[in-house]
Protein backbone atom coordinates (compact mmCIF):
# COMPACT_ATOMS: atom_id res chain seq x y z
CA MET A 1 3.98 -19.63 0.10
CA SER A 2 7.35 -18.03 0.17
CA ARG A 3 10.59 -17.24 -1.77
CA VAL A 4 14.26 -16.17 -0.69
CA ALA A 5 13.78 -12.41 -0.14
CA GLY A 6 17.46 -11.70 -1.54
CA ALA A 7 21.18 -13.32 -1.57
CA GLY A 8 24.16 -11.97 0.06
CA PRO A 9 27.75 -12.21 -1.65
CA GLY A 10 27.99 -15.93 -0.14
CA GLY A 11 24.54 -16.77 -1.72
CA GLY A 12 22.57 -16.78 1.48
CA ALA A 13 19.24 -15.23 2.02
CA VAL A 14 19.48 -11.68 3.89
CA ARG A 15 17.03 -9.16 5.00
CA PRO A 16 15.99 -5.96 3.38
CA LYS A 17 17.31 -3.10 4.86
CA ALA A 18 13.87 -1.12 4.47
CA LEU A 19 10.71 -2.05 3.66
CA VAL A 20 8.45 0.08 1.71
CA PHE A 21 4.92 -0.23 2.20
CA ASP A 22 1.61 0.61 0.23
CA VAL A 23 -1.03 2.15 2.33
CA ASN A 24 -4.49 1.40 0.48
CA GLU A 25 -5.78 -1.65 1.15
CA THR A 26 -2.43 -3.12 2.17
CA LEU A 27 -2.29 -1.38 5.40
CA SER A 28 -5.86 0.38 5.68
CA ASP A 29 -9.13 -1.84 5.57
CA MET A 30 -11.27 -0.46 3.23
CA ALA A 31 -14.29 -2.31 3.70
CA PRO A 32 -16.15 -0.35 5.80
CA LEU A 33 -15.99 2.42 3.26
CA ALA A 34 -19.08 0.46 1.48
CA GLN A 35 -21.28 1.63 4.60
CA ARG A 36 -20.40 5.03 3.76
CA PHE A 37 -22.11 4.94 0.40
CA THR A 38 -25.01 2.72 1.81
CA ASP A 39 -25.44 5.86 4.66
CA VAL A 40 -25.98 8.27 1.52
CA GLY A 41 -28.34 5.85 -0.25
CA ALA A 42 -25.93 4.50 -2.83
CA PRO A 43 -25.54 0.70 -2.88
CA GLY A 44 -22.38 -0.41 -0.90
CA HIS A 45 -20.82 -2.25 -4.02
CA LEU A 46 -19.76 0.89 -5.39
CA SER A 47 -17.22 1.48 -3.00
CA ALA A 48 -15.08 -1.31 -4.99
CA THR A 49 -16.02 0.12 -8.35
CA TRP A 50 -15.45 3.53 -7.05
CA PHE A 51 -11.97 2.66 -6.14
CA ALA A 52 -10.92 0.48 -9.29
CA SER A 53 -12.10 3.50 -11.45
CA LEU A 54 -10.07 5.98 -9.16
CA LEU A 55 -6.81 3.66 -9.98
CA ARG A 56 -7.79 2.77 -13.72
CA ASP A 57 -8.10 6.55 -14.54
CA GLY A 58 -4.83 7.59 -12.27
CA PHE A 59 -2.86 4.74 -14.18
CA ALA A 60 -4.05 6.28 -17.84
CA LEU A 61 -3.14 9.69 -16.55
CA THR A 62 0.20 8.52 -15.61
CA ALA A 63 0.84 6.72 -18.76
CA VAL A 64 0.69 10.00 -20.50
CA GLY A 65 2.97 12.05 -17.72
CA VAL A 66 0.52 13.50 -15.45
CA ASN A 67 0.46 13.11 -11.79
CA PRO A 68 -3.13 13.76 -10.59
CA ARG A 69 -3.72 14.46 -6.99
CA PHE A 70 -5.32 11.32 -5.85
CA ALA A 71 -8.28 13.34 -3.48
CA ASP A 72 -9.12 15.42 -6.45
CA LEU A 73 -9.70 12.42 -8.93
CA GLY A 74 -10.94 10.63 -6.09
CA ARG A 75 -13.68 13.04 -5.44
CA THR A 76 -14.66 13.79 -9.13
CA LEU A 77 -14.97 10.17 -10.11
CA LEU A 78 -16.97 9.68 -6.91
CA ALA A 79 -19.15 13.06 -8.19
CA ALA A 80 -19.81 10.80 -11.37
CA ARG A 81 -20.87 7.57 -9.94
CA LEU A 82 -23.08 9.04 -7.38
CA ARG A 83 -25.07 11.38 -9.67
CA GLY A 84 -28.11 10.12 -10.46
CA GLN A 85 -27.87 7.59 -7.13
CA VAL A 86 -28.41 10.39 -4.30
CA GLU A 87 -29.74 14.07 -3.64
CA ASP A 88 -27.34 15.66 -2.13
CA VAL A 89 -24.08 14.62 -4.68
CA GLU A 90 -21.87 17.37 -3.06
CA GLY A 91 -22.70 16.03 0.88
CA ALA A 92 -22.57 12.45 -0.48
CA VAL A 93 -19.13 12.93 -1.95
CA GLU A 94 -17.80 14.52 1.62
CA HIS A 95 -19.37 11.92 3.61
CA VAL A 96 -17.50 9.18 1.61
CA MET A 97 -14.21 10.81 1.51
CA THR A 98 -14.12 11.72 5.02
CA GLY A 99 -14.65 8.07 5.70
CA PHE A 100 -12.10 7.24 3.73
CA GLY A 101 -9.86 9.82 5.38
CA GLY A 102 -10.65 8.01 8.47
CA LEU A 103 -10.19 3.98 8.01
CA SER A 104 -8.44 1.67 10.50
CA THR A 105 -5.78 -1.01 9.84
CA HIS A 106 -6.34 -4.25 9.05
CA PRO A 107 -6.33 -6.52 12.37
CA ASP A 108 -2.80 -8.47 11.37
CA VAL A 109 -1.01 -4.56 10.78
CA VAL A 110 -0.16 -3.54 14.28
CA PRO A 111 0.93 -6.80 15.85
CA GLY A 112 3.18 -7.35 12.60
CA ILE A 113 4.61 -4.07 12.09
CA ARG A 114 5.55 -3.78 15.77
CA ARG A 115 7.36 -7.20 15.06
CA LEU A 116 8.87 -5.96 11.84
CA ALA A 117 9.99 -2.87 13.93
CA GLY A 118 11.67 -5.32 16.62
CA LEU A 119 13.72 -6.54 13.73
CA ARG A 120 15.33 -3.11 13.44
CA ILE A 121 13.94 -2.87 9.92
CA ARG A 122 13.41 0.50 8.35
CA LEU A 123 10.03 1.18 7.62
CA LEU A 124 8.70 3.61 4.73
CA THR A 125 5.27 4.06 3.21
CA LEU A 126 4.56 5.16 -0.47
CA SER A 127 1.15 5.88 -1.29
CA ASN A 128 -0.54 7.19 -4.26
CA GLY A 129 -2.45 9.03 -2.25
CA SER A 130 -1.50 11.60 0.37
CA ALA A 131 0.92 11.57 3.06
CA THR A 132 -1.78 13.08 5.40
CA VAL A 133 -4.12 10.14 4.73
CA ALA A 134 -1.17 7.74 5.92
CA GLU A 135 0.04 9.48 8.81
CA GLY A 136 -3.61 9.54 10.56
CA LEU A 137 -3.94 5.91 9.63
CA LEU A 138 -0.91 5.13 11.19
CA SER A 139 -1.50 7.76 14.29
CA ARG A 140 -4.92 6.06 14.90
CA ALA A 141 -3.39 2.44 14.84
CA GLY A 142 -0.58 3.80 17.61
CA ILE A 143 1.89 2.82 14.88
CA ARG A 144 3.06 6.51 13.40
CA ASP A 145 6.60 5.94 15.47
CA SER A 146 7.52 2.88 14.04
CA PHE A 147 8.00 4.56 10.37
CA GLU A 148 10.75 6.80 9.44
CA ALA A 149 8.87 8.45 6.64
CA LEU A 150 5.57 8.75 4.87
CA LEU A 151 6.00 9.27 1.52
CA SER A 152 3.40 10.14 -1.17
CA VAL A 153 3.67 10.39 -5.14
CA GLU A 154 2.34 13.66 -5.24
CA ASP A 155 6.07 14.80 -4.41
CA ALA A 156 7.35 12.27 -6.67
CA PRO A 157 7.07 12.35 -10.52
CA LEU A 158 4.31 9.85 -11.40
CA TRP A 159 2.04 7.47 -9.63
CA LYS A 160 3.04 4.02 -9.13
CA PRO A 161 3.65 1.63 -10.65
CA ALA A 162 5.94 4.22 -12.67
CA PRO A 163 9.46 3.49 -11.85
CA SER A 164 10.11 7.19 -10.87
CA ALA A 165 7.83 6.51 -7.80
CA TYR A 166 9.87 3.73 -6.47
CA ALA A 167 12.75 5.84 -7.10
CA TYR A 168 11.65 8.58 -5.10
CA ALA A 169 11.37 6.07 -2.10
CA VAL A 170 14.55 4.52 -2.62
CA GLU A 171 16.48 7.97 -3.07
CA THR A 172 14.88 8.97 0.42
CA ALA A 173 15.95 6.06 1.90
CA ALA A 174 19.61 6.91 0.69
CA LEU A 175 19.66 2.86 -0.42
CA THR A 176 20.00 1.12 -3.51
CA PRO A 177 16.70 -0.48 -5.09
CA ALA A 178 17.81 -4.02 -3.86
CA GLU A 179 18.18 -3.01 -0.61
CA CYS A 180 14.39 -2.17 -0.27
CA MET A 181 11.71 -4.35 0.01
CA LEU A 182 8.13 -3.46 -1.07
CA VAL A 183 5.12 -4.75 0.66
CA ALA A 184 1.27 -4.77 -0.87
CA VAL A 185 -1.53 -6.27 -1.82
CA HIS A 186 -1.50 -5.77 -5.32
CA PRO A 187 -0.19 -7.36 -8.19
CA TRP A 188 0.68 -4.39 -9.97
CA ASP A 189 2.74 -2.70 -7.27
CA ILE A 190 4.43 -6.08 -7.02
CA ASP A 191 5.40 -5.85 -10.62
CA GLY A 192 6.32 -2.15 -10.72
CA ALA A 193 8.65 -2.41 -7.73
CA HIS A 194 10.38 -5.46 -9.34
CA ARG A 195 11.11 -3.58 -12.57
CA ALA A 196 12.62 -0.94 -10.84
CA GLY A 197 14.85 -3.22 -8.75
CA LEU A 198 13.05 -3.69 -5.46
CA ARG A 199 12.49 -6.91 -3.79
CA THR A 200 8.72 -7.29 -3.13
CA ALA A 201 6.58 -9.23 -0.64
CA TRP A 202 2.88 -9.81 -1.60
CA VAL A 203 0.37 -9.62 1.05
CA ASN A 204 -2.44 -12.28 0.09
CA ARG A 205 -4.75 -11.92 2.73
CA GLY A 206 -7.58 -13.37 0.47
CA GLY A 207 -5.77 -16.66 -0.44
CA GLY A 208 -6.21 -15.86 -4.18
CA ARG A 209 -4.18 -16.87 -7.43
CA TYR A 210 -1.34 -14.26 -8.24
CA PRO A 211 -1.70 -13.00 -12.16
CA ASP A 212 0.80 -14.95 -14.24
CA HIS A 213 0.93 -11.85 -16.54
CA PHE A 214 3.11 -9.71 -13.70
CA SER A 215 6.43 -10.41 -12.09
CA SER A 216 6.22 -12.89 -9.31
CA ALA A 217 6.61 -11.73 -5.75
CA ASP A 218 9.91 -12.61 -3.75
CA LEU A 219 7.71 -13.57 -0.80
CA GLU A 220 4.30 -14.30 -0.79
CA VAL A 221 2.50 -14.20 2.67
CA ALA A 222 -0.87 -14.27 4.41
CA SER A 223 -0.48 -11.13 6.82
CA MET A 224 2.16 -8.63 8.20
CA THR A 225 2.74 -11.23 11.12
CA GLU A 226 3.71 -13.53 8.71
CA LEU A 227 6.23 -11.58 6.63
CA ALA A 228 7.57 -10.54 10.13
CA ALA A 229 8.04 -14.44 11.17
CA GLN A 230 9.48 -14.83 7.39
CA LEU A 231 12.17 -12.15 7.67
CA ALA A 232 13.06 -13.25 11.30
CA ARG A 233 14.51 -16.35 10.02
CA LEU A 234 16.69 -15.17 7.34
CA ASP A 235 18.93 -14.40 10.27
CA GLY A 236 17.82 -17.42 12.21
CA LEU A 237 16.19 -15.10 14.57
CA ASP A 238 12.46 -15.02 16.06
CA ALA A 239 10.44 -11.54 15.58
CA VAL A 240 10.27 -9.74 18.78
CA GLY A 241 7.48 -7.68 19.86
CA ASP A 242 4.22 -8.14 20.32
């Protein structure tokens, strides 16, 4: 499924000038993190439960004006989850967090980013986590040079989906919100960016249904390579690069 990404003065579709990528789960494949939990003697399904609780509590703190550090909150919640499950809680937390910092990208990310870079669209990241994690992820994948800036809400007023987080990325790019498109797998992120005036692209790798209670995305794609193809067609061009 796809929708028009934006319209020019004459009503025709135009490409965004910049793509702003979410990092965790959008670019990084978090599935292998379950093995880290298994390694320390905890159930692998705790990986998803822990990450969901991390987002939940981060959002709650954001709602009252607090901007917690992602890693600090993650460690605190991880220790609470593992307490009673493993003997060496501190060692287990370190093992899991090390794995989180060493994840790889999804298979579609590298070819997709290279094709998007070939379209001469500016690429940035905006994460609720640290820029260091994004730096490592993209460097290991060999695509760090495709991005002009790796942004973290640690340097913005609040976590996404607060409007100020998206405003920080837009201001960094020196563009208007309508000239930027947020790319994410999280519907809450799509909704927040839409409300902040950005265009949006939902990466629906799992083929799920988009929640009705969130603002819909301008584009819906199954992969980064499909995103590149959709944006290339706006100007009647093929995506370039491998």
